[in-house]
Amino acid sequence: MSNPSKAKGTRFESAVCDYLRWALDDERIQRLTLHGAKDVGDIGNIYFHGAPVVIECKATRTPNWRKHWAECEVEMGNRDTEFGWIIRKRPGLGVDTRSKVGKHLAYTRKQTYFQMCDMADADLDHLTEKIPRNPLLIGLPVEQLALLLNHMQPLGPEKEEA
């Protein structure tokens, strides 16, 4: 891949996909191909209470909260779901271990976050982060998003392979 920015984004998407596949113990989770105007996110086959979840990954140098959220909303419409999350690579934090991937930032609408917490009987408010200049969005570490998606059950396969 000759474009370094594209390669960085691909590495990040792959790391997030591998993390969620492990965390949710679901081999069906995969990176999605681009569909142009009908794009439905970067990572697919994630569901919450039977509804699809759009996961959009961003490994940009500077955050563009509104633009990225607007893109996620379009993809949520394409997928016909109310659940959408953006996973943003934190600057200076790698993706070479599960622990590091779990520390990157996931964010969504506050309404979506609270709805999912109610549905999963989860209390993660002490772990949330404000999104700069956007009071409608809320963030938390990817590890906490995975717990939420997993209905607050332990992450990873029940029995780790030796």
N, C-alpha and C. Protein backbone atom coordinates (compact mmCIF):
# COMPACT_ATOMS: atom_id res chain seq x y z
N MET A 1 0.86 -1.17 0.00
CA MET A 1 0.00 0.00 0.00
C MET A 1 0.91 1.23 0.00
N SER A 2 0.79 2.08 -1.01
CA SER A 2 1.70 3.20 -1.16
C SER A 2 1.28 4.44 -0.39
N ASN A 3 0.03 4.52 0.05
CA ASN A 3 -0.45 5.67 0.80
C ASN A 3 -0.31 5.40 2.30
N PRO A 4 0.64 6.10 2.99
CA PRO A 4 0.87 5.83 4.41
C PRO A 4 -0.36 6.09 5.29
N SER A 5 -1.14 7.11 4.97
CA SER A 5 -2.34 7.39 5.76
C SER A 5 -3.36 6.27 5.63
N LYS A 6 -3.53 5.77 4.41
CA LYS A 6 -4.46 4.67 4.18
C LYS A 6 -3.98 3.41 4.90
N ALA A 7 -2.68 3.17 4.87
CA ALA A 7 -2.11 2.00 5.55
C ALA A 7 -2.32 2.10 7.06
N LYS A 8 -2.17 3.31 7.60
CA LYS A 8 -2.39 3.51 9.04
C LYS A 8 -3.85 3.23 9.39
N GLY A 9 -4.77 3.72 8.56
CA GLY A 9 -6.19 3.49 8.79
C GLY A 9 -6.54 2.02 8.69
N THR A 10 -5.96 1.33 7.72
CA THR A 10 -6.20 -0.10 7.55
C THR A 10 -5.70 -0.88 8.76
N ARG A 11 -4.51 -0.54 9.24
CA ARG A 11 -3.95 -1.20 10.44
C ARG A 11 -4.87 -0.99 11.64
N PHE A 12 -5.37 0.25 11.79
CA PHE A 12 -6.24 0.56 12.91
C PHE A 12 -7.56 -0.22 12.81
N GLU A 13 -8.17 -0.21 11.64
CA GLU A 13 -9.42 -0.96 11.44
C GLU A 13 -9.21 -2.44 11.74
N SER A 14 -8.12 -3.00 11.25
CA SER A 14 -7.83 -4.42 11.46
C SER A 14 -7.66 -4.72 12.95
N ALA A 15 -6.95 -3.85 13.66
CA ALA A 15 -6.73 -4.05 15.09
C ALA A 15 -8.05 -3.97 15.87
N VAL A 16 -8.90 -3.00 15.52
CA VAL A 16 -10.20 -2.86 16.18
C VAL A 16 -11.06 -4.08 15.87
N CYS A 17 -11.06 -4.51 14.63
CA CYS A 17 -11.85 -5.69 14.24
C CYS A 17 -11.38 -6.92 15.02
N ASP A 18 -10.08 -7.14 15.07
CA ASP A 18 -9.54 -8.29 15.82
C ASP A 18 -9.90 -8.20 17.29
N TYR A 19 -9.82 -6.99 17.85
CA TYR A 19 -10.17 -6.80 19.26
C TYR A 19 -11.64 -7.15 19.52
N LEU A 20 -12.53 -6.61 18.70
CA LEU A 20 -13.96 -6.88 18.90
C LEU A 20 -14.29 -8.35 18.64
N ARG A 21 -13.63 -8.94 17.67
CA ARG A 21 -13.85 -10.37 17.39
C ARG A 21 -13.48 -11.19 18.64
N TRP A 22 -12.33 -10.85 19.25
CA TRP A 22 -11.90 -11.52 20.48
C TRP A 22 -12.84 -11.19 21.64
N ALA A 23 -13.08 -9.90 21.87
CA ALA A 23 -13.85 -9.45 23.04
C ALA A 23 -15.25 -10.03 23.05
N LEU A 24 -15.90 -10.07 21.89
CA LEU A 24 -17.27 -10.55 21.80
C LEU A 24 -17.33 -12.04 21.45
N ASP A 25 -16.13 -12.65 21.29
CA ASP A 25 -16.01 -14.06 20.97
C ASP A 25 -16.90 -14.43 19.79
N ASP A 26 -16.71 -13.68 18.68
CA ASP A 26 -17.55 -13.87 17.51
C ASP A 26 -16.70 -13.74 16.24
N GLU A 27 -16.41 -14.88 15.64
CA GLU A 27 -15.57 -14.90 14.43
C GLU A 27 -16.24 -14.28 13.21
N ARG A 28 -17.54 -14.01 13.29
CA ARG A 28 -18.25 -13.42 12.15
C ARG A 28 -17.95 -11.93 12.00
N ILE A 29 -17.43 -11.30 13.04
CA ILE A 29 -17.10 -9.87 12.96
C ILE A 29 -15.97 -9.69 11.96
N GLN A 30 -16.15 -8.73 11.03
CA GLN A 30 -15.17 -8.55 9.97
C GLN A 30 -15.10 -7.11 9.50
N ARG A 31 -13.97 -6.78 8.86
CA ARG A 31 -13.86 -5.49 8.20
C ARG A 31 -14.74 -5.54 6.96
N LEU A 32 -15.41 -4.43 6.69
CA LEU A 32 -16.31 -4.36 5.54
C LEU A 32 -15.64 -3.66 4.38
N THR A 33 -16.06 -4.03 3.17
CA THR A 33 -15.57 -3.33 1.98
C THR A 33 -16.37 -2.05 1.81
N LEU A 34 -15.79 -1.10 1.13
CA LEU A 34 -16.47 0.18 0.88
C LEU A 34 -17.62 -0.02 -0.09
N HIS A 35 -18.71 0.69 0.18
CA HIS A 35 -19.88 0.63 -0.69
C HIS A 35 -20.26 2.02 -1.21
N GLY A 36 -19.32 2.94 -1.23
CA GLY A 36 -19.58 4.29 -1.74
C GLY A 36 -20.66 4.99 -0.94
N ALA A 37 -21.68 5.50 -1.62
CA ALA A 37 -22.76 6.24 -0.96
C ALA A 37 -23.60 5.33 -0.06
N LYS A 38 -23.50 4.02 -0.24
CA LYS A 38 -24.28 3.06 0.57
C LYS A 38 -23.42 2.39 1.65
N ASP A 39 -22.31 3.03 2.02
CA ASP A 39 -21.41 2.47 3.04
C ASP A 39 -22.17 2.25 4.34
N VAL A 40 -21.84 1.16 5.05
CA VAL A 40 -22.52 0.82 6.30
C VAL A 40 -21.54 0.65 7.46
N GLY A 41 -20.39 1.33 7.38
CA GLY A 41 -19.40 1.27 8.45
C GLY A 41 -18.17 0.51 8.04
N ASP A 42 -17.21 0.48 8.96
CA ASP A 42 -15.93 -0.18 8.69
C ASP A 42 -15.89 -1.61 9.22
N ILE A 43 -16.66 -1.89 10.26
CA ILE A 43 -16.65 -3.21 10.87
C ILE A 43 -18.09 -3.71 10.95
N GLY A 44 -18.30 -4.91 10.49
CA GLY A 44 -19.66 -5.43 10.43
C GLY A 44 -19.89 -6.69 11.23
N ASN A 45 -21.16 -7.08 11.25
CA ASN A 45 -21.64 -8.26 11.95
C ASN A 45 -21.58 -8.09 13.47
N ILE A 46 -21.81 -6.88 13.93
CA ILE A 46 -21.94 -6.61 15.36
C ILE A 46 -23.40 -6.23 15.60
N TYR A 47 -23.99 -6.87 16.59
CA TYR A 47 -25.41 -6.64 16.90
C TYR A 47 -25.57 -6.39 18.39
N PHE A 48 -26.59 -5.59 18.72
CA PHE A 48 -26.94 -5.31 20.10
C PHE A 48 -28.44 -5.52 20.24
N HIS A 49 -28.83 -6.49 21.02
CA HIS A 49 -30.24 -6.87 21.16
C HIS A 49 -30.88 -7.10 19.80
N GLY A 50 -30.14 -7.73 18.91
CA GLY A 50 -30.65 -8.08 17.59
C GLY A 50 -30.56 -6.99 16.54
N ALA A 51 -30.23 -5.77 16.95
CA ALA A 51 -30.13 -4.66 16.00
C ALA A 51 -28.67 -4.48 15.56
N PRO A 52 -28.45 -4.19 14.28
CA PRO A 52 -27.07 -3.98 13.82
C PRO A 52 -26.46 -2.73 14.45
N VAL A 53 -25.15 -2.79 14.64
CA VAL A 53 -24.38 -1.66 15.18
C VAL A 53 -23.38 -1.24 14.12
N VAL A 54 -23.42 0.04 13.74
CA VAL A 54 -22.45 0.59 12.80
C VAL A 54 -21.22 1.00 13.58
N ILE A 55 -20.06 0.50 13.15
CA ILE A 55 -18.78 0.88 13.75
C ILE A 55 -17.94 1.54 12.66
N GLU A 56 -17.61 2.79 12.88
CA GLU A 56 -16.78 3.56 11.95
C GLU A 56 -15.45 3.85 12.66
N CYS A 57 -14.33 3.53 12.03
CA CYS A 57 -13.01 3.74 12.62
C CYS A 57 -12.33 4.97 12.01
N LYS A 58 -11.68 5.75 12.85
CA LYS A 58 -10.99 6.95 12.38
C LYS A 58 -9.59 7.01 13.02
N ALA A 59 -8.58 7.07 12.17
CA ALA A 59 -7.20 7.18 12.64
C ALA A 59 -6.60 8.47 12.10
N THR A 60 -7.35 9.56 12.21
CA THR A 60 -6.91 10.85 11.68
C THR A 60 -6.01 11.58 12.68
N ARG A 61 -5.16 12.42 12.15
CA ARG A 61 -4.24 13.17 13.00
C ARG A 61 -4.99 14.11 13.94
N THR A 62 -5.96 14.81 13.39
CA THR A 62 -6.76 15.73 14.23
C THR A 62 -8.22 15.29 14.17
N PRO A 63 -8.91 15.42 15.28
CA PRO A 63 -10.31 14.98 15.29
C PRO A 63 -11.20 15.95 14.53
N ASN A 64 -12.17 15.41 13.86
CA ASN A 64 -13.20 16.22 13.21
C ASN A 64 -14.53 15.62 13.65
N TRP A 65 -14.88 15.89 14.91
CA TRP A 65 -16.00 15.25 15.57
C TRP A 65 -17.29 15.34 14.77
N ARG A 66 -17.64 16.54 14.31
CA ARG A 66 -18.92 16.73 13.61
C ARG A 66 -18.95 16.01 12.26
N LYS A 67 -17.88 16.15 11.51
CA LYS A 67 -17.83 15.52 10.19
C LYS A 67 -17.89 14.00 10.32
N HIS A 68 -17.11 13.46 11.25
CA HIS A 68 -17.10 12.01 11.43
C HIS A 68 -18.45 11.50 11.94
N TRP A 69 -19.07 12.27 12.83
CA TRP A 69 -20.38 11.84 13.33
C TRP A 69 -21.43 11.89 12.21
N ALA A 70 -21.36 12.93 11.38
CA ALA A 70 -22.30 13.04 10.27
C ALA A 70 -22.15 11.85 9.32
N GLU A 71 -20.92 11.43 9.07
CA GLU A 71 -20.67 10.25 8.24
C GLU A 71 -21.28 9.00 8.88
N CYS A 72 -21.10 8.86 10.18
CA CYS A 72 -21.65 7.71 10.90
C CYS A 72 -23.18 7.70 10.82
N GLU A 73 -23.80 8.87 10.93
CA GLU A 73 -25.27 8.94 10.85
C GLU A 73 -25.78 8.50 9.48
N VAL A 74 -25.07 8.88 8.42
CA VAL A 74 -25.45 8.45 7.08
C VAL A 74 -25.36 6.93 6.99
N GLU A 75 -24.29 6.38 7.53
CA GLU A 75 -24.09 4.93 7.48
C GLU A 75 -25.13 4.20 8.34
N MET A 76 -25.53 4.81 9.45
CA MET A 76 -26.60 4.23 10.27
C MET A 76 -27.90 4.20 9.47
N GLY A 77 -28.16 5.25 8.71
CA GLY A 77 -29.34 5.28 7.85
C GLY A 77 -29.27 4.21 6.77
N ASN A 78 -28.08 4.05 6.18
CA ASN A 78 -27.89 3.01 5.16
C ASN A 78 -28.12 1.62 5.74
N ARG A 79 -27.77 1.44 6.99
CA ARG A 79 -27.90 0.13 7.66
C ARG A 79 -29.24 -0.01 8.37
N ASP A 80 -30.00 1.08 8.42
CA ASP A 80 -31.30 1.11 9.08
C ASP A 80 -31.19 0.69 10.55
N THR A 81 -30.34 1.41 11.27
CA THR A 81 -30.15 1.13 12.69
C THR A 81 -30.01 2.43 13.47
N GLU A 82 -30.32 2.37 14.74
CA GLU A 82 -30.16 3.54 15.61
C GLU A 82 -28.87 3.48 16.40
N PHE A 83 -28.12 2.38 16.25
CA PHE A 83 -26.89 2.20 17.01
C PHE A 83 -25.68 2.44 16.12
N GLY A 84 -24.92 3.47 16.43
CA GLY A 84 -23.72 3.78 15.69
C GLY A 84 -22.64 4.31 16.62
N TRP A 85 -21.41 3.89 16.38
CA TRP A 85 -20.27 4.31 17.18
C TRP A 85 -19.10 4.63 16.27
N ILE A 86 -18.31 5.61 16.68
CA ILE A 86 -17.05 5.91 16.01
C ILE A 86 -15.95 5.51 16.97
N ILE A 87 -14.95 4.83 16.45
CA ILE A 87 -13.78 4.49 17.25
C ILE A 87 -12.62 5.30 16.69
N ARG A 88 -12.09 6.18 17.54
CA ARG A 88 -11.04 7.09 17.15
C ARG A 88 -9.72 6.67 17.78
N LYS A 89 -8.70 6.58 16.95
CA LYS A 89 -7.36 6.26 17.45
C LYS A 89 -6.85 7.44 18.27
N ARG A 90 -6.43 7.13 19.49
CA ARG A 90 -5.83 8.18 20.33
C ARG A 90 -4.38 8.38 19.88
N PRO A 91 -3.97 9.64 19.72
CA PRO A 91 -2.60 9.91 19.29
C PRO A 91 -1.59 9.33 20.28
N GLY A 92 -0.54 8.72 19.75
CA GLY A 92 0.53 8.19 20.58
C GLY A 92 0.25 6.83 21.21
N LEU A 93 -0.95 6.30 21.00
CA LEU A 93 -1.30 5.00 21.55
C LEU A 93 -1.35 3.99 20.41
N GLY A 94 -0.55 2.96 20.52
CA GLY A 94 -0.45 1.98 19.44
C GLY A 94 -1.63 1.03 19.37
N VAL A 95 -1.47 0.03 18.52
CA VAL A 95 -2.52 -0.98 18.33
C VAL A 95 -1.91 -2.37 18.36
N ASP A 96 -0.73 -2.51 18.94
CA ASP A 96 -0.03 -3.79 18.88
C ASP A 96 -0.41 -4.77 19.99
N THR A 97 -1.24 -4.35 20.95
CA THR A 97 -1.74 -5.26 21.98
C THR A 97 -3.24 -5.02 22.19
N ARG A 98 -3.92 -6.02 22.71
CA ARG A 98 -5.35 -5.85 23.02
C ARG A 98 -5.55 -4.74 24.03
N SER A 99 -4.67 -4.69 25.00
CA SER A 99 -4.79 -3.66 26.04
C SER A 99 -4.77 -2.26 25.43
N LYS A 100 -3.88 -2.02 24.49
CA LYS A 100 -3.80 -0.71 23.85
C LYS A 100 -5.04 -0.43 23.01
N VAL A 101 -5.49 -1.41 22.25
CA VAL A 101 -6.68 -1.21 21.40
C VAL A 101 -7.88 -0.87 22.29
N GLY A 102 -7.98 -1.53 23.43
CA GLY A 102 -9.09 -1.28 24.35
C GLY A 102 -9.11 0.10 24.96
N LYS A 103 -8.01 0.83 24.85
CA LYS A 103 -7.92 2.18 25.44
C LYS A 103 -8.26 3.30 24.45
N HIS A 104 -8.43 2.96 23.18
CA HIS A 104 -8.79 4.00 22.21
C HIS A 104 -10.21 4.49 22.50
N LEU A 105 -10.61 5.57 21.88
CA LEU A 105 -11.87 6.24 22.20
C LEU A 105 -13.01 5.81 21.29
N ALA A 106 -14.11 5.38 21.90
CA ALA A 106 -15.35 5.11 21.17
C ALA A 106 -16.34 6.20 21.55
N TYR A 107 -17.05 6.75 20.58
CA TYR A 107 -18.05 7.77 20.93
C TYR A 107 -19.30 7.64 20.08
N THR A 108 -20.39 8.16 20.66
CA THR A 108 -21.71 8.08 20.04
C THR A 108 -22.57 9.21 20.58
N ARG A 109 -23.83 9.25 20.16
CA ARG A 109 -24.79 10.21 20.72
C ARG A 109 -25.07 9.82 22.17
N LYS A 110 -25.27 10.80 23.01
CA LYS A 110 -25.62 10.53 24.40
C LYS A 110 -26.89 9.69 24.47
N GLN A 111 -27.87 10.01 23.65
CA GLN A 111 -29.14 9.28 23.63
C GLN A 111 -28.90 7.79 23.35
N THR A 112 -28.04 7.48 22.39
CA THR A 112 -27.72 6.09 22.06
C THR A 112 -27.02 5.41 23.23
N TYR A 113 -26.04 6.12 23.79
CA TYR A 113 -25.29 5.57 24.92
C TYR A 113 -26.22 5.21 26.08
N PHE A 114 -27.09 6.15 26.47
CA PHE A 114 -27.98 5.90 27.61
C PHE A 114 -28.99 4.79 27.29
N GLN A 115 -29.48 4.75 26.06
CA GLN A 115 -30.41 3.69 25.67
C GLN A 115 -29.73 2.32 25.78
N MET A 116 -28.50 2.22 25.28
CA MET A 116 -27.79 0.95 25.34
C MET A 116 -27.48 0.56 26.78
N CYS A 117 -27.10 1.53 27.61
CA CYS A 117 -26.83 1.24 29.02
C CYS A 117 -28.09 0.72 29.71
N ASP A 118 -29.23 1.34 29.42
CA ASP A 118 -30.50 0.87 30.01
C ASP A 118 -30.80 -0.56 29.57
N MET A 119 -30.61 -0.83 28.28
CA MET A 119 -30.91 -2.16 27.76
C MET A 119 -29.98 -3.23 28.32
N ALA A 120 -28.73 -2.85 28.62
CA ALA A 120 -27.75 -3.81 29.14
C ALA A 120 -27.64 -3.77 30.65
N ASP A 121 -28.46 -2.93 31.29
CA ASP A 121 -28.38 -2.74 32.74
C ASP A 121 -26.95 -2.42 33.16
N ALA A 122 -26.36 -1.44 32.47
CA ALA A 122 -24.96 -1.07 32.68
C ALA A 122 -24.85 0.33 33.28
N ASP A 123 -23.85 0.51 34.11
CA ASP A 123 -23.55 1.82 34.67
C ASP A 123 -22.08 2.12 34.39
N LEU A 124 -21.84 2.81 33.29
CA LEU A 124 -20.48 3.15 32.87
C LEU A 124 -20.22 4.65 32.93
N ASP A 125 -21.15 5.41 33.54
CA ASP A 125 -21.05 6.86 33.52
C ASP A 125 -19.72 7.38 34.06
N HIS A 126 -19.15 6.70 35.04
CA HIS A 126 -17.89 7.16 35.62
C HIS A 126 -16.71 7.01 34.65
N LEU A 127 -16.91 6.31 33.55
CA LEU A 127 -15.85 6.10 32.57
C LEU A 127 -16.03 6.95 31.31
N THR A 128 -17.10 7.73 31.25
CA THR A 128 -17.37 8.49 30.03
C THR A 128 -16.49 9.73 29.92
N GLU A 129 -16.36 10.20 28.70
CA GLU A 129 -15.57 11.40 28.40
C GLU A 129 -16.43 12.36 27.59
N LYS A 130 -16.25 13.63 27.85
CA LYS A 130 -16.93 14.64 27.03
C LYS A 130 -16.20 14.74 25.70
N ILE A 131 -16.98 14.99 24.65
CA ILE A 131 -16.40 15.21 23.33
C ILE A 131 -16.32 16.72 23.13
N PRO A 132 -15.13 17.24 22.84
CA PRO A 132 -14.95 18.69 22.74
C PRO A 132 -15.93 19.36 21.78
N ARG A 133 -16.51 20.44 22.24
CA ARG A 133 -17.39 21.30 21.45
C ARG A 133 -18.59 20.57 20.86
N ASN A 134 -19.00 19.48 21.47
CA ASN A 134 -20.17 18.77 20.98
C ASN A 134 -20.91 18.13 22.14
N PRO A 135 -21.86 18.84 22.72
CA PRO A 135 -22.57 18.34 23.90
C PRO A 135 -23.52 17.17 23.62
N LEU A 136 -23.75 16.84 22.35
CA LEU A 136 -24.66 15.73 22.02
C LEU A 136 -23.95 14.38 21.98
N LEU A 137 -22.60 14.40 22.00
CA LEU A 137 -21.83 13.18 21.89
C LEU A 137 -21.17 12.84 23.22
N ILE A 138 -20.88 11.55 23.42
CA ILE A 138 -20.23 11.08 24.64
C ILE A 138 -19.27 9.95 24.26
N GLY A 139 -18.17 9.85 24.98
CA GLY A 139 -17.18 8.84 24.65
C GLY A 139 -16.82 7.96 25.83
N LEU A 140 -16.20 6.84 25.52
CA LEU A 140 -15.67 5.94 26.54
C LEU A 140 -14.64 5.05 25.87
N PRO A 141 -13.79 4.38 26.66
CA PRO A 141 -12.79 3.50 26.05
C PRO A 141 -13.44 2.34 25.28
N VAL A 142 -12.77 1.88 24.24
CA VAL A 142 -13.26 0.78 23.42
C VAL A 142 -13.56 -0.44 24.29
N GLU A 143 -12.74 -0.70 25.29
CA GLU A 143 -12.98 -1.84 26.18
C GLU A 143 -14.36 -1.75 26.83
N GLN A 144 -14.76 -0.55 27.22
CA GLN A 144 -16.07 -0.37 27.85
C GLN A 144 -17.20 -0.51 26.83
N LEU A 145 -16.97 -0.06 25.60
CA LEU A 145 -17.95 -0.29 24.54
C LEU A 145 -18.13 -1.79 24.33
N ALA A 146 -17.02 -2.53 24.30
CA ALA A 146 -17.11 -3.99 24.12
C ALA A 146 -17.90 -4.62 25.26
N LEU A 147 -17.68 -4.18 26.49
CA LEU A 147 -18.46 -4.69 27.62
C LEU A 147 -19.94 -4.41 27.44
N LEU A 148 -20.25 -3.20 26.99
CA LEU A 148 -21.64 -2.82 26.76
C LEU A 148 -22.27 -3.71 25.68
N LEU A 149 -21.55 -3.89 24.57
CA LEU A 149 -22.04 -4.74 23.49
C LEU A 149 -22.20 -6.19 23.95
N ASN A 150 -21.40 -6.58 24.93
CA ASN A 150 -21.41 -7.95 25.46
C ASN A 150 -22.31 -8.07 26.69
N HIS A 151 -23.20 -7.09 26.87
CA HIS A 151 -24.18 -7.09 27.97
C HIS A 151 -23.50 -7.23 29.33
N MET A 152 -22.34 -6.57 29.47
CA MET A 152 -21.58 -6.50 30.72
C MET A 152 -21.03 -7.86 31.16
N GLN A 153 -20.92 -8.79 30.22
CA GLN A 153 -20.32 -10.08 30.52
C GLN A 153 -18.81 -9.98 30.26
N PRO A 154 -18.01 -10.83 30.92
CA PRO A 154 -16.55 -10.78 30.70
C PRO A 154 -16.20 -10.87 29.22
N LEU A 155 -15.13 -10.18 28.85
CA LEU A 155 -14.71 -10.15 27.46
C LEU A 155 -13.83 -11.36 27.13
N GLY A 156 -13.86 -11.74 25.88
CA GLY A 156 -13.02 -12.82 25.38
C GLY A 156 -13.69 -14.16 25.51
N PRO A 157 -13.07 -15.16 24.87
CA PRO A 157 -13.62 -16.53 24.95
C PRO A 157 -13.64 -17.02 26.39
N GLU A 158 -14.58 -17.88 26.70
CA GLU A 158 -14.67 -18.42 28.06
C GLU A 158 -13.39 -19.13 28.44
N LYS A 159 -12.83 -19.85 27.49
CA LYS A 159 -11.56 -20.55 27.74
C LYS A 159 -10.56 -20.06 26.72
N GLU A 160 -9.54 -19.35 27.20
CA GLU A 160 -8.48 -18.88 26.31
C GLU A 160 -7.69 -20.08 25.82
N GLU A 161 -7.31 -20.06 24.55
CA GLU A 161 -6.48 -21.13 24.01
C GLU A 161 -5.07 -20.98 24.54
N ALA A 162 -4.43 -22.11 24.85
CA ALA A 162 -3.08 -22.09 25.40
C ALA A 162 -2.05 -21.84 24.33
